[in-house]
Each structure stands twice: as C-alpha cells, then as structure tokens.
C-alpha atoms as a PDB file:
ATOM      1  CA  UNK A   1      41.300  65.204  75.648  1.00  0.00           C
ATOM      2  CA  UNK A   2      38.794  67.874  76.551  1.00  0.00           C
ATOM      3  CA  UNK A   3      35.699  66.962  77.563  1.00  0.00           C
ATOM      4  CA  UNK A   4      33.310  69.973  76.441  1.00  0.00           C
ATOM      5  CA  UNK A   5      30.175  67.918  76.966  1.00  0.00           C
ATOM      6  CA  UNK A   6      30.901  66.506  80.278  1.00  0.00           C
ATOM      7  CA  UNK A   7      32.210  69.826  81.779  1.00  0.00           C
ATOM      8  CA  UNK A   8      29.058  71.534  80.568  1.00  0.00           C
ATOM      9  CA  UNK A   9      26.807  68.619  82.232  1.00  0.00           C
ATOM     10  CA  UNK A  10      28.944  69.004  85.722  1.00  0.00           C
ATOM     11  CA  UNK A  11      28.538  72.653  85.484  1.00  0.00           C
ATOM     12  CA  UNK A  12      24.681  72.598  85.210  1.00  0.00           C
ATOM     13  CA  UNK A  13      24.441  70.154  87.991  1.00  0.00           C
ATOM     14  CA  UNK A  14      26.504  72.134  90.221  1.00  0.00           C
ATOM     15  CA  UNK A  15      24.043  75.374  89.107  1.00  0.00           C
ATOM     16  CA  UNK A  16      21.182  73.413  89.788  1.00  0.00           C
ATOM     17  CA  UNK A  17      22.446  72.168  93.044  1.00  0.00           C
ATOM     18  CA  UNK A  18      22.991  75.845  94.260  1.00  0.00           C
ATOM     19  CA  UNK A  19      20.342  77.403  92.113  1.00  0.00           C
ATOM     20  CA  UNK A  20      17.260  75.269  91.412  1.00  0.00           C
ATOM     21  CA  UNK A  21      14.952  74.466  93.903  1.00  0.00           C
ATOM     22  CA  UNK A  22      11.416  72.042  93.949  1.00  0.00           C
ATOM     23  CA  UNK A  23       7.978  73.780  93.435  1.00  0.00           C
ATOM     24  CA  UNK A  24       6.463  75.788  91.798  1.00  0.00           C
ATOM     25  CA  UNK A  25       7.319  76.498  87.521  1.00  0.00           C
ATOM     26  CA  UNK A  26      10.151  78.579  85.831  1.00  0.00           C
ATOM     27  CA  UNK A  27      10.516  79.575  81.973  1.00  0.00           C
ATOM     28  CA  UNK A  28      13.425  78.336  80.356  1.00  0.00           C
ATOM     29  CA  UNK A  29      14.308  81.695  79.376  1.00  0.00           C
ATOM     30  CA  UNK A  30      14.475  82.401  83.241  1.00  0.00           C
ATOM     31  CA  UNK A  31      17.044  79.270  83.725  1.00  0.00           C
ATOM     32  CA  UNK A  32      19.330  80.719  80.747  1.00  0.00           C
ATOM     33  CA  UNK A  33      19.684  83.913  82.506  1.00  0.00           C
ATOM     34  CA  UNK A  34      20.353  82.393  85.800  1.00  0.00           C
ATOM     35  CA  UNK A  35      22.796  79.818  84.756  1.00  0.00           C
ATOM     36  CA  UNK A  36      25.056  82.762  82.916  1.00  0.00           C
ATOM     37  CA  UNK A  37      24.543  84.930  85.787  1.00  0.00           C
ATOM     38  CA  UNK A  38      25.987  81.930  88.080  1.00  0.00           C
ATOM     39  CA  UNK A  39      29.288  81.600  85.849  1.00  0.00           C
ATOM     40  CA  UNK A  40      30.628  84.744  84.565  1.00  0.00           C
ATOM     41  CA  UNK A  41      32.137  83.078  81.913  1.00  0.00           C
ATOM     42  CA  UNK A  42      29.363  82.143  80.630  1.00  0.00           C
ATOM     43  CA  UNK A  43      27.902  85.600  80.574  1.00  0.00           C
ATOM     44  CA  UNK A  44      28.398  86.840  76.703  1.00  0.00           C
ATOM     45  CA  UNK A  45      26.759  84.083  74.630  1.00  0.00           C
ATOM     46  CA  UNK A  46      28.561  85.185  71.545  1.00  0.00           C
ATOM     47  CA  UNK A  47      32.149  84.831  73.965  1.00  0.00           C
ATOM     48  CA  UNK A  48      35.059  83.619  71.661  1.00  0.00           C
ATOM     49  CA  UNK A  49      36.671  81.811  74.780  1.00  0.00           C
ATOM     50  CA  UNK A  50      33.739  80.410  76.502  1.00  0.00           C
ATOM     51  CA  UNK A  51      30.579  80.097  73.714  1.00  0.00           C
ATOM     52  CA  UNK A  52      27.476  78.918  74.615  1.00  0.00           C
ATOM     53  CA  UNK A  53      24.243  79.564  73.029  1.00  0.00           C
ATOM     54  CA  UNK A  54      21.017  79.662  75.027  1.00  0.00           C
ATOM     55  CA  UNK A  55      19.903  76.640  72.917  1.00  0.00           C
ATOM     56  CA  UNK A  56      22.633  74.641  74.457  1.00  0.00           C
ATOM     57  CA  UNK A  57      21.731  75.778  78.058  1.00  0.00           C
ATOM     58  CA  UNK A  58      18.451  74.497  77.306  1.00  0.00           C
ATOM     59  CA  UNK A  59      19.553  71.149  76.929  1.00  0.00           C
ATOM     60  CA  UNK A  60      21.467  71.122  79.672  1.00  0.00           C
ATOM     61  CA  UNK A  61      18.661  71.536  81.351  1.00  0.00           C
ATOM     62  CA  UNK A  62      16.114  69.508  79.917  1.00  0.00           C
ATOM     63  CA  UNK A  63      18.984  66.221  80.409  1.00  0.00           C
ATOM     64  CA  UNK A  64      19.495  67.539  84.184  1.00  0.00           C
ATOM     65  CA  UNK A  65      15.373  67.339  84.462  1.00  0.00           C
ATOM     66  CA  UNK A  66      14.811  64.272  82.862  1.00  0.00           C
ATOM     67  CA  UNK A  67      17.351  63.249  85.418  1.00  0.00           C
ATOM     68  CA  UNK A  68      15.138  64.142  88.351  1.00  0.00           C
ATOM     69  CA  UNK A  69      12.708  62.050  87.158  1.00  0.00           C
ATOM     70  CA  UNK A  70      10.267  65.545  86.217  1.00  0.00           C
ATOM     71  CA  UNK A  71       8.206  65.983  83.210  1.00  0.00           C
ATOM     72  CA  UNK A  72       9.633  67.560  79.938  1.00  0.00           C
ATOM     73  CA  UNK A  73       8.676  71.036  79.114  1.00  0.00           C
ATOM     74  CA  UNK A  74       5.289  72.499  78.199  1.00  0.00           C
ATOM     75  CA  UNK A  75       4.693  73.976  74.794  1.00  0.00           C
ATOM     76  CA  UNK A  76       5.264  77.485  76.393  1.00  0.00           C
ATOM     77  CA  UNK A  77       8.495  76.522  77.746  1.00  0.00           C
ATOM     78  CA  UNK A  78       7.505  76.200  81.288  1.00  0.00           C
ATOM     79  CA  UNK A  79       9.211  73.342  83.573  1.00  0.00           C
ATOM     80  CA  UNK A  80       6.766  72.014  86.359  1.00  0.00           C
ATOM     81  CA  UNK A  81       8.345  71.206  89.638  1.00  0.00           C
ATOM     82  CA  UNK A  82      11.500  73.295  89.510  1.00  0.00           C
ATOM     83  CA  UNK A  83      12.218  76.686  90.162  1.00  0.00           C
ATOM     84  CA  UNK A  84      14.754  79.411  90.471  1.00  0.00           C
ATOM     85  CA  UNK A  85      16.123  79.813  94.161  1.00  0.00           C
ATOM     86  CA  UNK A  86      16.573  83.474  93.894  1.00  0.00           C
ATOM     87  CA  UNK A  87      17.538  84.207  97.588  1.00  0.00           C
ATOM     88  CA  UNK A  88      20.752  82.899  96.364  1.00  0.00           C
ATOM     89  CA  UNK A  89      20.745  84.926  93.214  1.00  0.00           C
ATOM     90  CA  UNK A  90      22.720  87.952  94.356  1.00  0.00           C
ATOM     91  CA  UNK A  91      22.221  89.757  90.537  1.00  0.00           C
ATOM     92  CA  UNK A  92      18.208  88.654  90.117  1.00  0.00           C
ATOM     93  CA  UNK A  93      16.140  91.764  89.878  1.00  0.00           C
ATOM     94  CA  UNK A  94      13.936  91.676  93.242  1.00  0.00           C
END
C-alpha cells in the first residue's frame, strides 16, 4: 500500500538536509518555494499526477521543525533558527 504521508516526510527530510541550514530565519513561503524547486514533480501545485498543496508543505515544515527541537512558527509565518541555503539552490533569484 502506498504511504503518501511517509513518503512526503522522507522527501521533506531529504530536502531539509540539502537546503535548510541552522541560523537566521525564513518565512514559510520561502521554504514552500524552495521545496517546489527542489522537487520538479511538485512544481505545479495543481498537478494531477503529484498533487501537493502549499498547506501540506507547510505542515511538513512544521513537523520537521519540531523534530529538530526548534520553536514553532511566529504569527507572521517566520521560522527562527533555520534558513534556506541559497548557495545550494541553483534556481533561486540572487
């Protein structure tokens, strides 16, 4: 049986290992965008083959962040203590 949630958690952890680094802060939308750039199959949020909403990615981020022992997101949507490794993101605007 296909375990979509388990697969998504593993994919997010692989993404986080390569694209998130300690220090600073970042907004949840930045992480959603970086995740979509990292996995081409999720680039289109309305894909019929690989549907994945921004909210689902935000939930993966929140779950991962708690596992790291970090505090939760601020009311404005910022995560403290993590940032996107823009050096590893070939598609990010510089």
